[in-house]
């Protein structure tokens, strides 16, 4: 597996965005906006973002305007990260097929680059054979089509994005922003990602998944929220709060609380809390000299062993390796570009 932690000190990191007609213009604009906002302490770009099409020709967007790329598929050969923007191409969405030249270029790029898709770009990666046996995300509206066309892919419609063995896929719409901030966070640390988010006036890390945005009938108890429980959990990460306590805090039964929590966040209370605890643990690893056991205790993970296991499972790294990587990144220096 490629060592993507090394990217933190490499600049520029070459990002190639593939656009298939008709491309989702919103998706296409996000990598350049979010990634190009990062620069090294010396003032140079940390990422070089280029857009390509299969033959280098301009492509229409779903919004009616056209986009002129900077090259063709040959630029994928030099990419450190390949991002496939969302598309409404009928062959891809209805038949699950992609031009052989595109598939071959993506498979070749996979051998040396980090692969990313935004929204329905996951259909392109799957059609190229890159997602078989992988966990992936896509826009919830196209989930059933995706499952029908690619039954060997473990599609998860809950998260805003999924990372599995060097392939990252986002849900629909603004989830592309979340995934691009995740890339910055992985490459340069939470502090840089937070500054990029602040510059772009977006949340550094949104709670829950895309399930909270799926259209549902309004129920008679839709006016009640589990937000108070999420605040309580965040303020007391070191405490082991039971479902009964959390439900009572929101004046609900455990059954109603559990159901409503998943509706609002797209995940269970335990999954949500684990994500928040890991986020805080990463922040402490980056910004303090606290021992791993102390960080585990402060974030409610119990022991250093539990924290190590969780980081290995979720991030494919260890607390010591994570801390070392981002201390190196701090020395090199990265920041959002004005």
Protein backbone atom coordinates (compact mmCIF):
# COMPACT_ATOMS: atom_id res chain seq x y z
CA UNK A 1 0.00 0.00 0.00
CA UNK A 2 1.26 3.47 -0.85
CA UNK A 3 2.43 5.61 2.07
CA UNK A 4 0.19 8.66 1.73
CA UNK A 5 1.51 10.14 4.98
CA UNK A 6 4.63 11.15 3.04
CA UNK A 7 2.51 13.60 1.07
CA UNK A 8 2.54 15.97 4.02
CA UNK A 9 6.03 17.17 3.12
CA UNK A 10 5.84 16.82 -0.69
CA UNK A 11 4.87 19.86 -2.74
CA UNK A 12 3.32 20.22 -5.11
CA UNK A 13 1.16 17.14 -4.89
CA UNK A 14 -0.29 16.49 -8.36
CA UNK A 15 -4.08 16.14 -8.40
CA UNK A 16 -5.78 15.25 -11.68
CA UNK A 17 -9.56 15.61 -11.89
CA UNK A 18 -11.30 13.55 -14.57
CA UNK A 19 -14.46 15.01 -16.13
CA UNK A 20 -16.84 12.80 -18.15
CA UNK A 21 -19.64 14.52 -20.07
CA UNK A 22 -22.02 15.74 -18.90
CA UNK A 23 -20.01 16.44 -15.75
CA UNK A 24 -21.42 17.83 -12.50
CA UNK A 25 -19.92 21.30 -12.48
CA UNK A 26 -20.22 21.67 -8.72
CA UNK A 27 -18.10 18.55 -8.16
CA UNK A 28 -15.57 19.73 -10.71
CA UNK A 29 -15.01 23.04 -8.95
CA UNK A 30 -14.52 21.70 -5.42
CA UNK A 31 -11.03 20.11 -5.65
CA UNK A 32 -9.54 23.26 -7.15
CA UNK A 33 -11.27 25.46 -4.58
CA UNK A 34 -10.40 23.38 -1.51
CA UNK A 35 -7.03 21.86 -2.38
CA UNK A 36 -5.57 24.83 -4.20
CA UNK A 37 -6.21 26.84 -1.03
CA UNK A 38 -3.25 25.11 0.66
CA UNK A 39 0.28 26.44 0.32
CA UNK A 40 3.61 25.64 1.93
CA UNK A 41 5.27 27.96 4.39
CA UNK A 42 7.55 29.06 1.56
CA UNK A 43 4.47 30.29 -0.31
CA UNK A 44 4.30 27.64 -3.03
CA UNK A 45 1.23 25.56 -3.82
CA UNK A 46 0.95 22.34 -1.81
CA UNK A 47 -1.34 20.89 -4.51
CA UNK A 48 -1.37 21.33 -8.26
CA UNK A 49 -4.91 20.63 -9.50
CA UNK A 50 -5.55 19.94 -13.19
CA UNK A 51 -8.74 18.95 -15.00
CA UNK A 52 -8.70 16.43 -17.85
CA UNK A 53 -11.17 14.82 -20.22
CA UNK A 54 -10.70 11.59 -22.19
CA UNK A 55 -9.51 13.34 -25.35
CA UNK A 56 -8.67 16.79 -24.01
CA UNK A 57 -11.78 18.39 -25.53
CA UNK A 58 -14.18 20.71 -23.72
CA UNK A 59 -17.11 19.01 -21.98
CA UNK A 60 -20.60 20.23 -21.11
CA UNK A 61 -21.80 20.32 -17.52
CA UNK A 62 -25.25 19.33 -16.29
CA UNK A 63 -25.85 23.05 -15.63
CA UNK A 64 -25.50 24.07 -19.29
CA UNK A 65 -22.06 25.64 -19.44
CA UNK A 66 -18.92 24.06 -20.84
CA UNK A 67 -15.53 23.38 -19.27
CA UNK A 68 -12.18 23.50 -21.06
CA UNK A 69 -9.70 20.99 -19.56
CA UNK A 70 -5.94 21.23 -19.26
CA UNK A 71 -5.24 17.92 -20.96
CA UNK A 72 -6.30 14.37 -21.72
CA UNK A 73 -5.97 10.96 -20.07
CA UNK A 74 -2.20 11.01 -20.47
CA UNK A 75 -1.98 13.41 -17.50
CA UNK A 76 -3.23 10.62 -15.22
CA UNK A 77 0.21 9.06 -15.59
CA UNK A 78 1.75 11.87 -13.52
CA UNK A 79 -0.99 12.10 -10.87
CA UNK A 80 -0.43 11.50 -7.16
CA UNK A 81 -4.18 11.68 -6.60
CA UNK A 82 -6.88 11.05 -9.23
CA UNK A 83 -10.34 12.49 -8.59
CA UNK A 84 -13.34 11.47 -10.72
CA UNK A 85 -16.04 14.12 -10.66
CA UNK A 86 -19.72 13.24 -10.69
CA UNK A 87 -21.27 12.60 -14.09
CA UNK A 88 -24.67 12.05 -15.66
CA UNK A 89 -23.25 9.98 -18.54
CA UNK A 90 -26.00 7.48 -19.53
CA UNK A 91 -23.55 4.68 -20.32
CA UNK A 92 -22.09 4.95 -16.85
CA UNK A 93 -25.27 5.45 -14.81
CA UNK A 94 -27.65 3.22 -16.77
CA UNK A 95 -25.40 0.48 -18.15
CA UNK A 96 -22.50 0.55 -15.71
CA UNK A 97 -19.97 0.82 -18.54
CA UNK A 98 -17.17 3.23 -19.33
CA UNK A 99 -14.99 3.66 -22.40
CA UNK A 100 -12.14 1.16 -22.42
CA UNK A 101 -9.51 3.90 -22.68
CA UNK A 102 -10.85 5.53 -19.53
CA UNK A 103 -10.99 2.22 -17.67
CA UNK A 104 -7.42 1.33 -18.66
CA UNK A 105 -6.10 4.75 -17.67
CA UNK A 106 -7.79 4.56 -14.27
CA UNK A 107 -6.52 1.04 -13.62
CA UNK A 108 -2.99 2.11 -14.51
CA UNK A 109 -3.26 5.17 -12.26
CA UNK A 110 -4.48 3.03 -9.37
CA UNK A 111 -1.09 1.30 -9.22
CA UNK A 112 0.63 4.51 -8.13
CA UNK A 113 -2.00 7.08 -7.11
CA UNK A 114 -4.64 7.67 -4.49
CA UNK A 115 -8.05 7.26 -6.15
CA UNK A 116 -11.01 9.47 -5.28
CA UNK A 117 -14.56 9.84 -6.61
CA UNK A 118 -17.13 12.54 -5.93
CA UNK A 119 -20.86 11.76 -6.02
CA UNK A 120 -21.64 9.55 -9.05
CA UNK A 121 -17.97 9.44 -9.95
CA UNK A 122 -18.05 6.18 -7.98
CA UNK A 123 -19.96 4.65 -10.91
CA UNK A 124 -16.91 5.37 -13.09
CA UNK A 125 -14.48 3.73 -10.64
CA UNK A 126 -16.79 0.73 -10.31
CA UNK A 127 -17.22 0.43 -14.10
CA UNK A 128 -13.42 0.43 -14.40
CA UNK A 129 -13.32 -2.53 -12.00
CA UNK A 130 -11.61 -0.65 -9.17
CA UNK A 131 -14.28 -1.03 -6.48
CA UNK A 132 -14.93 -4.77 -6.56
CA UNK A 133 -14.78 -6.00 -2.96
CA UNK A 134 -14.38 -2.45 -1.66
CA UNK A 135 -16.64 -0.37 0.56
CA UNK A 136 -17.83 2.77 -1.25
CA UNK A 137 -20.26 5.68 -1.16
CA UNK A 138 -22.33 7.47 -3.76
CA UNK A 139 -25.28 9.88 -3.88
CA UNK A 140 -28.24 8.32 -2.02
CA UNK A 141 -30.52 9.03 -4.99
CA UNK A 142 -28.51 6.63 -7.16
CA UNK A 143 -27.92 3.93 -4.54
CA UNK A 144 -30.34 1.35 -5.92
CA UNK A 145 -28.98 1.81 -9.45
CA UNK A 146 -25.46 1.38 -8.13
CA UNK A 147 -26.30 -1.82 -6.24
CA UNK A 148 -28.03 -3.27 -9.29
CA UNK A 149 -25.09 -2.54 -11.59
CA UNK A 150 -22.29 -3.35 -9.17
CA UNK A 151 -23.44 -6.01 -6.67
CA UNK A 152 -19.84 -6.90 -5.73
CA UNK A 153 -19.25 -3.43 -4.25
CA UNK A 154 -20.11 -2.89 -0.58
CA UNK A 155 -22.13 0.30 -0.99
CA UNK A 156 -22.72 2.29 2.20
CA UNK A 157 -25.26 5.09 1.87
CA UNK A 158 -24.82 6.42 5.42
CA UNK A 159 -21.41 8.21 5.50
CA UNK A 160 -20.55 11.47 3.80
CA UNK A 161 -17.47 9.70 2.45
CA UNK A 162 -15.75 6.32 2.66
CA UNK A 163 -12.03 5.53 2.69
CA UNK A 164 -11.03 1.95 1.93
CA UNK A 165 -7.45 0.91 1.14
CA UNK A 166 -6.42 3.98 -0.80
CA UNK A 167 -9.73 4.50 -2.61
CA UNK A 168 -11.97 7.28 -1.30
CA UNK A 169 -15.55 7.90 -2.42
CA UNK A 170 -17.96 10.63 -1.39
CA UNK A 171 -21.72 10.85 -1.16
CA UNK A 172 -23.63 13.43 -3.17
CA UNK A 173 -23.45 17.21 -3.40
CA UNK A 174 -21.54 19.04 -0.69
CA UNK A 175 -20.11 15.77 0.65
CA UNK A 176 -17.37 16.40 -1.93
CA UNK A 177 -16.28 19.31 0.26
CA UNK A 178 -16.11 17.01 3.27
CA UNK A 179 -13.97 14.52 1.37
CA UNK A 180 -11.57 17.17 0.05
CA UNK A 181 -11.12 18.52 3.58
CA UNK A 182 -10.44 14.94 4.66
CA UNK A 183 -7.67 14.73 2.04
CA UNK A 184 -6.09 17.92 3.40
CA UNK A 185 -6.46 16.58 6.94
CA UNK A 186 -4.77 13.31 5.99
CA UNK A 187 -1.95 15.03 4.13
CA UNK A 188 -1.30 18.08 6.31
CA UNK A 189 -3.16 17.68 9.61
CA UNK A 190 -6.34 18.97 11.22
CA UNK A 191 -5.06 22.49 11.84
CA UNK A 192 -4.43 23.15 8.15
CA UNK A 193 -7.74 21.53 7.15
CA UNK A 194 -9.57 23.67 9.71
CA UNK A 195 -8.00 26.85 8.32
CA UNK A 196 -8.95 25.84 4.78
CA UNK A 197 -12.51 25.23 5.97
CA UNK A 198 -12.60 28.58 7.75
CA UNK A 199 -11.33 30.38 4.64
CA UNK A 200 -14.05 28.74 2.56
CA UNK A 201 -16.67 29.38 5.27
CA UNK A 202 -17.65 25.72 5.66
CA UNK A 203 -17.70 23.33 8.61
CA UNK A 204 -14.32 21.64 9.20
CA UNK A 205 -16.07 18.32 9.86
CA UNK A 206 -19.81 17.77 9.64
CA UNK A 207 -21.61 15.41 11.96
CA UNK A 208 -23.28 12.24 10.73
CA UNK A 209 -23.83 11.08 7.18
CA UNK A 210 -25.94 11.77 4.11
CA UNK A 211 -28.83 9.75 5.54
CA UNK A 212 -29.88 12.90 7.40
CA UNK A 213 -30.49 14.63 4.04
CA UNK A 214 -32.65 11.94 2.40
CA UNK A 215 -36.24 12.99 1.78
CA UNK A 216 -38.59 11.44 4.36
CA UNK A 217 -42.22 12.02 5.30
CA UNK A 218 -42.56 14.43 8.20
CA UNK A 219 -43.72 12.50 11.25
CA UNK A 220 -45.76 13.81 14.12
CA UNK A 221 -42.72 13.95 16.39
CA UNK A 222 -40.38 15.53 13.84
CA UNK A 223 -40.00 18.67 15.95
CA UNK A 224 -37.89 16.89 18.58
CA UNK A 225 -34.14 16.50 18.19
CA UNK A 226 -31.28 14.48 19.64
CA UNK A 227 -28.94 17.48 19.43
CA UNK A 228 -28.90 17.85 23.23
CA UNK A 229 -27.54 14.32 23.56
CA UNK A 230 -24.80 15.02 21.02
CA UNK A 231 -23.79 18.12 22.97
CA UNK A 232 -23.71 16.09 26.18
CA UNK A 233 -21.53 13.40 24.61
CA UNK A 234 -19.15 15.98 23.14
CA UNK A 235 -18.75 17.79 26.45
CA UNK A 236 -18.12 14.53 28.36
CA UNK A 237 -16.03 12.40 26.01
CA UNK A 238 -14.38 10.63 28.94
CA UNK A 239 -17.68 9.42 30.39
CA UNK A 240 -19.46 6.26 29.39
CA UNK A 241 -23.02 7.49 28.91
CA UNK A 242 -25.69 4.82 28.48
CA UNK A 243 -28.44 4.96 25.87
CA UNK A 244 -30.90 5.25 28.73
CA UNK A 245 -29.15 8.39 30.04
CA UNK A 246 -28.93 9.94 26.59
CA UNK A 247 -32.56 9.20 25.79
CA UNK A 248 -33.69 10.64 29.14
CA UNK A 249 -31.64 13.78 28.45
CA UNK A 250 -33.79 14.27 25.32
CA UNK A 251 -37.01 13.22 27.08
CA UNK A 252 -37.43 10.17 24.83
CA UNK A 253 -37.66 6.44 25.15
CA UNK A 254 -34.52 4.52 24.21
CA UNK A 255 -36.24 3.13 21.14
CA UNK A 256 -37.39 6.54 19.92
CA UNK A 257 -34.01 8.12 20.71
CA UNK A 258 -32.08 5.45 18.80
CA UNK A 259 -34.33 5.72 15.77
CA UNK A 260 -34.32 9.52 15.75
CA UNK A 261 -30.55 9.70 16.24
CA UNK A 262 -29.95 7.59 13.15
CA UNK A 263 -32.44 9.66 11.15
CA UNK A 264 -30.66 12.89 12.11
CA UNK A 265 -27.05 11.77 11.78
CA UNK A 266 -27.06 8.70 9.53
CA UNK A 267 -25.35 6.55 12.17
CA UNK A 268 -25.86 5.04 15.62
CA UNK A 269 -24.96 6.93 18.83
CA UNK A 270 -21.98 4.60 19.34
CA UNK A 271 -20.67 5.17 15.80
CA UNK A 272 -21.11 8.92 16.09
CA UNK A 273 -19.34 9.06 19.45
CA UNK A 274 -16.44 6.94 18.19
CA UNK A 275 -15.95 9.38 15.31
CA UNK A 276 -15.94 12.42 17.62
CA UNK A 277 -13.53 10.74 20.03
CA UNK A 278 -11.13 9.88 17.23
CA UNK A 279 -11.28 13.43 15.87
CA UNK A 280 -10.35 14.81 19.29
CA UNK A 281 -7.60 12.21 19.76
CA UNK A 282 -6.08 13.24 16.43
CA UNK A 283 -6.16 16.88 17.49
CA UNK A 284 -4.35 16.05 20.75
CA UNK A 285 -1.74 13.97 18.93
CA UNK A 286 -1.05 16.89 16.61
CA UNK A 287 -1.07 19.69 19.15
CA UNK A 288 0.24 18.23 22.46
CA UNK A 289 2.98 16.03 23.88
CA UNK A 290 0.51 14.02 25.97
CA UNK A 291 1.28 10.29 26.21
CA UNK A 292 -1.00 8.02 24.18
CA UNK A 293 -2.56 6.53 27.32
CA UNK A 294 -3.49 10.01 28.59
CA UNK A 295 -5.03 10.94 25.24
CA UNK A 296 -7.03 7.72 25.26
CA UNK A 297 -8.32 8.50 28.75
CA UNK A 298 -9.23 12.11 27.90
CA UNK A 299 -11.14 11.08 24.79
CA UNK A 300 -12.99 8.18 26.40
CA UNK A 301 -11.18 5.46 24.47
CA UNK A 302 -10.11 3.81 27.69
CA UNK A 303 -6.55 2.75 27.01
CA UNK A 304 -3.70 3.36 24.63
CA UNK A 305 -4.24 -0.13 23.28
CA UNK A 306 -7.82 0.71 22.32
CA UNK A 307 -6.74 3.96 20.68
CA UNK A 308 -4.01 2.18 18.72
CA UNK A 309 -6.43 -0.47 17.53
CA UNK A 310 -9.04 2.10 16.51
CA UNK A 311 -6.51 4.19 14.58
CA UNK A 312 -5.12 1.12 12.89
CA UNK A 313 -8.60 0.03 11.81
CA UNK A 314 -9.85 3.48 10.78
CA UNK A 315 -6.74 5.27 9.52
CA UNK A 316 -4.29 2.42 8.87
CA UNK A 317 -1.68 4.03 11.11
CA UNK A 318 -0.63 4.21 14.76
CA UNK A 319 -0.73 7.17 17.19
CA UNK A 320 3.08 7.45 17.20
CA UNK A 321 3.32 7.31 13.39
CA UNK A 322 0.48 9.84 13.07
CA UNK A 323 2.13 12.24 15.49
CA UNK A 324 5.52 11.88 13.81
CA UNK A 325 4.05 12.46 10.34
CA UNK A 326 2.31 15.67 11.30
CA UNK A 327 5.18 17.01 13.34
CA UNK A 328 7.14 16.69 10.09
CA UNK A 329 4.31 18.47 8.28
CA UNK A 330 4.40 21.30 10.81
CA UNK A 331 8.14 21.66 10.28
CA UNK A 332 7.63 21.84 6.52
CA UNK A 333 4.73 24.23 7.02
CA UNK A 334 1.44 24.46 5.14
CA UNK A 335 -1.35 27.00 5.27
CA UNK A 336 -4.37 28.16 3.28
CA UNK A 337 -3.59 30.42 0.38
CA UNK A 338 -5.33 33.82 0.33
